[in-house]
Amino acid sequence: MNADLLSLAPKIDLSRRGFVATGLVSGFSLAAGPVMGQSVITTDTNGLTAGEVRIPVSGGYQMAAYRAMPAKGGPFPTVMVIQEIFGVHEHIKDVARRLAKMGYLAIAPDLYGRQADMSKVTEMSAAVAVAGSVPDAQVMADLDAISAWSKTHGGDGVKLAITGFCWGGRIVWLYAAHNPALTAGVAWYGRVVGTPNERQPRNPMDVVGQLRAPVLGLYGAADQGIPNDTVEKFRDAAKAAGKTVDIVFYPDTPHAFHADYRASYRKGPAEDGWAKMHAWLVRHGVG
């Protein structure tokens, strides 16, 4: 999520939400704008077990999540798929199915569920506000619970990875510093610096020396919200700390270049990034 957009969050009134999310977004997020139909990738469920599940997480909350995995075999290496600011909508579900087709148990949890029903959020500014209202500590605890759940629901219990986009890319970096059991991570255009606040007291740059798993970062060199130099400084700090971090910049490529349903989609970088993600997971033991 762009740092300048995050600054809008306190200005959006969430006091009228008054509801608890009942499930995942059906179709694509309305807040993301028009869907670019000609580029949308659709992955079928043939050979898969796929659909919405409920996962018990912190505070007794039953979190909605999209789960996809091969219908036969197992246990499977697990990949947690972390949403953009728009929640778990069709694009994120399709990412999970793509991973399942590759032999993974993919779980995309609705990490905003306590704060908002994203199917009812129709404006970008409101989506940004919701994202800014979610405490990092809550997210870390929820992901720990989801990781534990995966061990008894098709996951092999050892090979655990995380990948995420935009807001979710930042979460990948933070979770890699949080969970010593994480095997590998891949962050797609997640910001690494920002202004600390009560809900997000630390940013990836603050915990770079605490990374516990190898992480690949995929970034657009023309991203208007994530300056290249902040990512380069993060990469250098990780190297100085002896961490296994690789950063890839795609020339002339904007933010959200993997989002095939948006005008920001760039087919070449998206496909190359996907191939690099898979190779990274396999290289580091999640394959």
Protein backbone atom coordinates (compact mmCIF):
# COMPACT_ATOMS: atom_id res chain seq x y z
CA MET A 1 0.00 0.00 0.00
CA ASN A 2 1.38 3.39 -0.92
CA ALA A 3 2.64 5.44 2.02
CA ASP A 4 0.82 8.57 0.83
CA LEU A 5 -2.48 6.66 0.68
CA LEU A 6 -1.97 5.26 4.16
CA SER A 7 -1.88 8.82 5.48
CA LEU A 8 -5.53 9.17 4.42
CA ALA A 9 -6.68 6.44 6.78
CA PRO A 10 -7.39 8.56 9.89
CA LYS A 11 -9.61 10.85 7.79
CA ILE A 12 -12.04 8.08 6.86
CA ASP A 13 -14.89 7.46 9.28
CA LEU A 14 -15.24 3.75 10.00
CA SER A 15 -17.66 4.25 12.88
CA ARG A 16 -20.66 3.30 10.73
CA ARG A 17 -19.38 -0.11 9.72
CA GLY A 18 -21.41 -1.82 12.49
CA PHE A 19 -21.09 -5.27 10.98
CA VAL A 20 -18.98 -8.38 11.07
CA ALA A 21 -17.81 -9.87 7.79
CA THR A 22 -19.92 -12.87 6.83
CA GLY A 23 -17.66 -14.20 4.09
CA LEU A 24 -15.25 -13.41 1.30
CA VAL A 25 -15.78 -10.96 -1.54
CA SER A 26 -17.74 -12.48 -4.42
CA GLY A 27 -16.16 -11.54 -7.73
CA PHE A 28 -13.70 -8.66 -7.89
CA SER A 29 -13.32 -5.79 -5.46
CA LEU A 30 -15.51 -2.81 -6.31
CA ALA A 31 -13.00 -0.50 -4.65
CA ALA A 32 -10.29 -1.48 -7.16
CA GLY A 33 -12.14 0.11 -10.07
CA PRO A 34 -13.12 -1.29 -13.48
CA VAL A 35 -12.02 -4.85 -14.26
CA MET A 36 -9.77 -5.19 -17.33
CA GLY A 37 -11.51 -8.28 -18.65
CA GLN A 38 -9.15 -9.02 -21.52
CA SER A 39 -6.21 -9.77 -19.22
CA VAL A 40 -7.94 -11.55 -16.34
CA ILE A 41 -6.52 -15.00 -15.64
CA THR A 42 -9.07 -17.60 -14.58
CA THR A 43 -7.89 -20.84 -13.01
CA ASP A 44 -10.40 -23.67 -12.76
CA THR A 45 -10.87 -26.00 -9.81
CA ASN A 46 -10.45 -29.23 -11.74
CA GLY A 47 -8.38 -31.60 -9.62
CA LEU A 48 -8.58 -29.28 -6.64
CA THR A 49 -10.36 -29.03 -3.34
CA ALA A 50 -11.16 -25.33 -3.20
CA GLY A 51 -13.54 -22.95 -1.47
CA GLU A 52 -14.23 -20.91 1.62
CA VAL A 53 -13.35 -22.30 5.03
CA ARG A 54 -13.51 -20.96 8.58
CA ILE A 55 -10.36 -20.97 10.69
CA PRO A 56 -10.33 -20.35 14.47
CA VAL A 57 -7.89 -17.55 15.26
CA SER A 58 -7.17 -15.25 18.19
CA GLY A 59 -10.00 -14.17 20.46
CA GLY A 60 -12.26 -17.04 19.41
CA TYR A 61 -12.93 -15.41 16.04
CA GLN A 62 -13.76 -17.70 13.10
CA MET A 63 -11.86 -16.17 10.20
CA ALA A 64 -13.07 -16.69 6.65
CA ALA A 65 -10.37 -17.88 4.25
CA TYR A 66 -10.12 -19.21 0.73
CA ARG A 67 -8.40 -22.60 0.71
CA ALA A 68 -7.19 -24.46 -2.40
CA MET A 69 -5.14 -27.64 -2.65
CA PRO A 70 -4.83 -30.75 -4.83
CA ALA A 71 -7.81 -33.06 -4.38
CA LYS A 72 -5.59 -36.09 -3.98
CA GLY A 73 -2.38 -36.80 -2.15
CA GLY A 74 -0.77 -34.75 0.54
CA PRO A 75 0.22 -33.51 2.93
CA PHE A 76 1.26 -30.48 0.87
CA PRO A 77 3.71 -27.62 1.43
CA THR A 78 1.72 -24.60 2.59
CA VAL A 79 1.67 -21.08 1.17
CA MET A 80 -0.28 -18.34 2.94
CA VAL A 81 -1.49 -15.80 0.37
CA ILE A 82 -1.84 -12.29 1.79
CA GLN A 83 -4.35 -9.94 0.23
CA GLU A 84 -4.00 -6.53 -1.34
CA ILE A 85 -5.80 -3.67 0.37
CA PHE A 86 -9.00 -4.85 -1.33
CA GLY A 87 -9.42 -8.05 0.67
CA VAL A 88 -9.85 -11.63 -0.50
CA HIS A 89 -11.62 -11.17 -3.82
CA GLU A 90 -11.51 -13.16 -7.06
CA HIS A 91 -7.94 -12.27 -8.01
CA ILE A 92 -6.54 -13.44 -4.66
CA LYS A 93 -8.65 -16.60 -4.84
CA ASP A 94 -7.28 -17.29 -8.31
CA VAL A 95 -3.72 -16.86 -7.04
CA ALA A 96 -4.51 -19.54 -4.46
CA ARG A 97 -5.83 -21.86 -7.16
CA ARG A 98 -2.72 -21.30 -9.28
CA LEU A 99 -0.57 -22.33 -6.34
CA ALA A 100 -2.77 -25.36 -5.68
CA LYS A 101 -2.31 -26.46 -9.29
CA MET A 102 1.44 -26.41 -8.55
CA GLY A 103 1.00 -28.79 -5.63
CA TYR A 104 0.59 -26.42 -2.69
CA LEU A 105 -1.97 -25.98 0.04
CA ALA A 106 -2.77 -22.30 -0.47
CA ILE A 107 -4.66 -20.34 2.18
CA ALA A 108 -5.82 -16.75 1.64
CA PRO A 109 -7.24 -15.47 4.96
CA ASP A 110 -9.59 -12.50 5.26
CA LEU A 111 -7.36 -10.49 7.57
CA TYR A 112 -9.75 -7.52 7.54
CA GLY A 113 -12.75 -9.55 8.69
CA ARG A 114 -12.94 -8.02 12.18
CA GLN A 115 -12.77 -4.50 10.76
CA ALA A 116 -14.97 -4.55 7.68
CA ASP A 117 -16.93 -6.53 5.13
CA MET A 118 -14.89 -5.73 2.04
CA SER A 119 -17.74 -6.73 -0.28
CA LYS A 120 -19.44 -3.53 0.87
CA VAL A 121 -16.41 -1.27 0.39
CA THR A 122 -16.71 0.51 -2.95
CA GLU A 123 -14.19 3.37 -2.77
CA MET A 124 -10.40 3.27 -2.79
CA SER A 125 -10.18 5.74 0.10
CA ALA A 126 -12.38 3.51 2.25
CA ALA A 127 -10.30 0.43 1.40
CA VAL A 128 -7.18 2.34 2.43
CA ALA A 129 -8.86 3.32 5.68
CA VAL A 130 -9.76 -0.28 6.48
CA ALA A 131 -6.20 -1.41 5.76
CA GLY A 132 -4.86 1.27 8.07
CA SER A 133 -7.19 0.15 10.87
CA VAL A 134 -5.85 -3.42 11.08
CA PRO A 135 -3.21 -3.86 13.84
CA ASP A 136 -0.01 -5.63 12.84
CA ALA A 137 -0.04 -7.59 16.10
CA GLN A 138 -3.48 -8.96 15.25
CA VAL A 139 -2.28 -10.01 11.80
CA MET A 140 0.79 -11.78 13.17
CA ALA A 141 -1.31 -13.72 15.68
CA ASP A 142 -3.89 -14.63 13.03
CA LEU A 143 -1.20 -15.93 10.68
CA ASP A 144 0.27 -18.01 13.49
CA ALA A 145 -3.15 -19.57 14.03
CA ILE A 146 -3.61 -20.20 10.31
CA SER A 147 -0.20 -21.85 10.14
CA ALA A 148 -1.17 -24.13 13.03
CA TRP A 149 -4.52 -24.94 11.36
CA SER A 150 -2.81 -25.90 8.11
CA LYS A 151 -0.91 -28.73 9.83
CA THR A 152 -4.12 -30.66 10.41
CA HIS A 153 -5.91 -29.63 7.20
CA GLY A 154 -3.64 -30.83 4.42
CA GLY A 155 -0.36 -29.07 5.16
CA ASP A 156 2.82 -31.04 5.85
CA GLY A 157 3.56 -29.07 9.01
CA VAL A 158 7.14 -28.18 8.07
CA LYS A 159 7.24 -26.48 4.68
CA LEU A 160 5.59 -23.11 5.30
CA ALA A 161 5.78 -20.10 2.98
CA ILE A 162 4.07 -16.74 2.65
CA THR A 163 3.48 -14.47 -0.32
CA GLY A 164 1.56 -11.22 -0.49
CA PHE A 165 0.75 -8.23 -2.65
CA CYS A 166 0.89 -4.49 -1.84
CA TRP A 167 -0.45 -4.36 1.77
CA GLY A 168 0.25 -8.07 1.86
CA GLY A 169 3.81 -7.56 0.62
CA ARG A 170 4.58 -5.47 3.70
CA ILE A 171 3.06 -8.21 5.86
CA VAL A 172 5.38 -10.79 4.26
CA TRP A 173 8.43 -8.85 5.45
CA LEU A 174 7.00 -8.45 8.95
CA TYR A 175 6.00 -12.11 9.25
CA ALA A 176 9.43 -13.23 8.11
CA ALA A 177 10.80 -11.41 11.16
CA HIS A 178 8.07 -12.82 13.41
CA ASN A 179 7.80 -16.57 12.84
CA PRO A 180 10.96 -18.69 13.23
CA ALA A 181 9.14 -21.63 11.63
CA LEU A 182 8.66 -19.83 8.31
CA THR A 183 10.58 -21.52 5.50
CA ALA A 184 10.49 -18.79 2.84
CA GLY A 185 8.63 -15.68 1.70
CA VAL A 186 7.95 -13.68 -1.46
CA ALA A 187 6.85 -10.04 -1.18
CA TRP A 188 5.24 -8.37 -4.19
CA TYR A 189 5.66 -4.56 -4.06
CA GLY A 190 5.30 -4.25 -0.31
CA ARG A 191 6.49 -0.99 1.23
CA VAL A 192 9.42 -1.24 3.62
CA VAL A 193 9.32 2.18 5.31
CA GLY A 194 6.54 4.32 6.73
CA THR A 195 5.44 6.51 9.60
CA PRO A 196 4.89 4.40 12.75
CA ASN A 197 1.53 4.58 14.50
CA GLU A 198 -0.32 2.73 17.23
CA ARG A 199 -1.55 -0.06 14.94
CA GLN A 200 1.59 -0.32 12.80
CA PRO A 201 4.38 0.55 15.26
CA ARG A 202 7.18 -0.93 13.16
CA ASN A 203 7.92 -1.22 9.47
CA PRO A 204 10.04 -3.81 7.64
CA MET A 205 13.12 -1.56 7.80
CA ASP A 206 12.83 -1.59 11.60
CA VAL A 207 13.00 -5.40 11.75
CA VAL A 208 15.33 -6.15 8.84
CA GLY A 209 17.96 -7.52 11.21
CA GLN A 210 15.40 -9.94 12.63
CA LEU A 211 14.41 -11.71 9.40
CA ARG A 212 14.24 -15.45 10.07
CA ALA A 213 13.56 -16.76 6.58
CA PRO A 214 14.83 -16.04 3.07
CA VAL A 215 12.61 -13.51 1.28
CA LEU A 216 12.37 -12.49 -2.36
CA GLY A 217 11.07 -8.99 -3.09
CA LEU A 218 9.50 -8.18 -6.47
CA TYR A 219 9.13 -4.48 -7.30
CA GLY A 220 8.24 -2.21 -10.20
CA ALA A 221 10.97 0.32 -10.93
CA ALA A 222 8.28 2.83 -11.93
CA ASP A 223 6.21 2.37 -8.75
CA GLN A 224 5.01 5.88 -7.82
CA GLY A 225 4.24 4.96 -4.22
CA ILE A 226 7.31 2.92 -3.23
CA PRO A 227 10.52 4.81 -4.03
CA ASN A 228 13.25 2.54 -5.35
CA ASP A 229 15.81 4.00 -2.98
CA THR A 230 13.85 2.85 0.09
CA VAL A 231 13.86 -0.72 -1.21
CA GLU A 232 17.56 -0.49 -2.11
CA LYS A 233 18.39 0.72 1.40
CA PHE A 234 16.38 -2.15 2.82
CA ARG A 235 18.24 -4.63 0.61
CA ASP A 236 21.58 -3.21 1.70
CA ALA A 237 20.59 -3.35 5.37
CA ALA A 238 19.52 -6.98 4.98
CA LYS A 239 22.83 -7.84 3.33
CA ALA A 240 24.77 -6.09 6.09
CA ALA A 241 22.81 -8.12 8.65
CA GLY A 242 23.67 -11.36 6.85
CA LYS A 243 20.07 -12.07 5.79
CA THR A 244 19.04 -13.99 2.67
CA VAL A 245 17.15 -11.37 0.71
CA ASP A 246 16.94 -10.87 -3.04
CA ILE A 247 15.30 -7.83 -4.62
CA VAL A 248 14.18 -7.71 -8.26
CA PHE A 249 13.24 -4.44 -9.96
CA TYR A 250 11.31 -4.57 -13.22
CA PRO A 251 12.14 -1.58 -15.46
CA ASP A 252 9.30 0.71 -16.56
CA THR A 253 6.88 -1.28 -14.42
CA PRO A 254 4.27 0.26 -12.09
CA HIS A 255 2.83 -0.78 -8.75
CA ALA A 256 0.42 -3.76 -8.77
CA PHE A 257 1.91 -5.21 -11.94
CA HIS A 258 0.72 -8.71 -11.01
CA ALA A 259 -2.94 -7.66 -10.68
CA ASP A 260 -4.21 -9.01 -14.01
CA TYR A 261 -7.66 -7.51 -13.49
CA ARG A 262 -6.33 -3.92 -13.31
CA ALA A 263 -4.82 -1.48 -15.79
CA SER A 264 -1.53 -1.70 -13.87
CA TYR A 265 -1.01 -5.31 -15.02
CA ARG A 266 2.18 -6.01 -16.94
CA LYS A 267 2.17 -9.51 -18.42
CA GLY A 268 5.94 -9.93 -18.83
CA PRO A 269 6.99 -8.88 -15.31
CA ALA A 270 4.00 -10.72 -13.77
CA GLU A 271 4.90 -13.99 -15.46
CA ASP A 272 8.60 -13.60 -14.74
CA GLY A 273 7.86 -12.74 -11.12
CA TRP A 274 5.65 -15.82 -10.77
CA ALA A 275 8.43 -18.03 -12.17
CA LYS A 276 10.96 -16.43 -9.83
CA MET A 277 8.59 -16.91 -6.89
CA HIS A 278 8.23 -20.62 -7.61
CA ALA A 279 11.97 -21.08 -8.08
CA TRP A 280 12.62 -19.25 -4.79
CA LEU A 281 10.20 -21.45 -2.88
CA VAL A 282 11.69 -24.62 -4.34
CA ARG A 283 15.26 -23.46 -3.78
CA HIS A 284 14.52 -22.79 -0.14
CA GLY A 285 12.68 -26.01 0.58
CA VAL A 286 9.03 -25.26 -0.16
CA GLY A 287 8.38 -27.39 -3.19
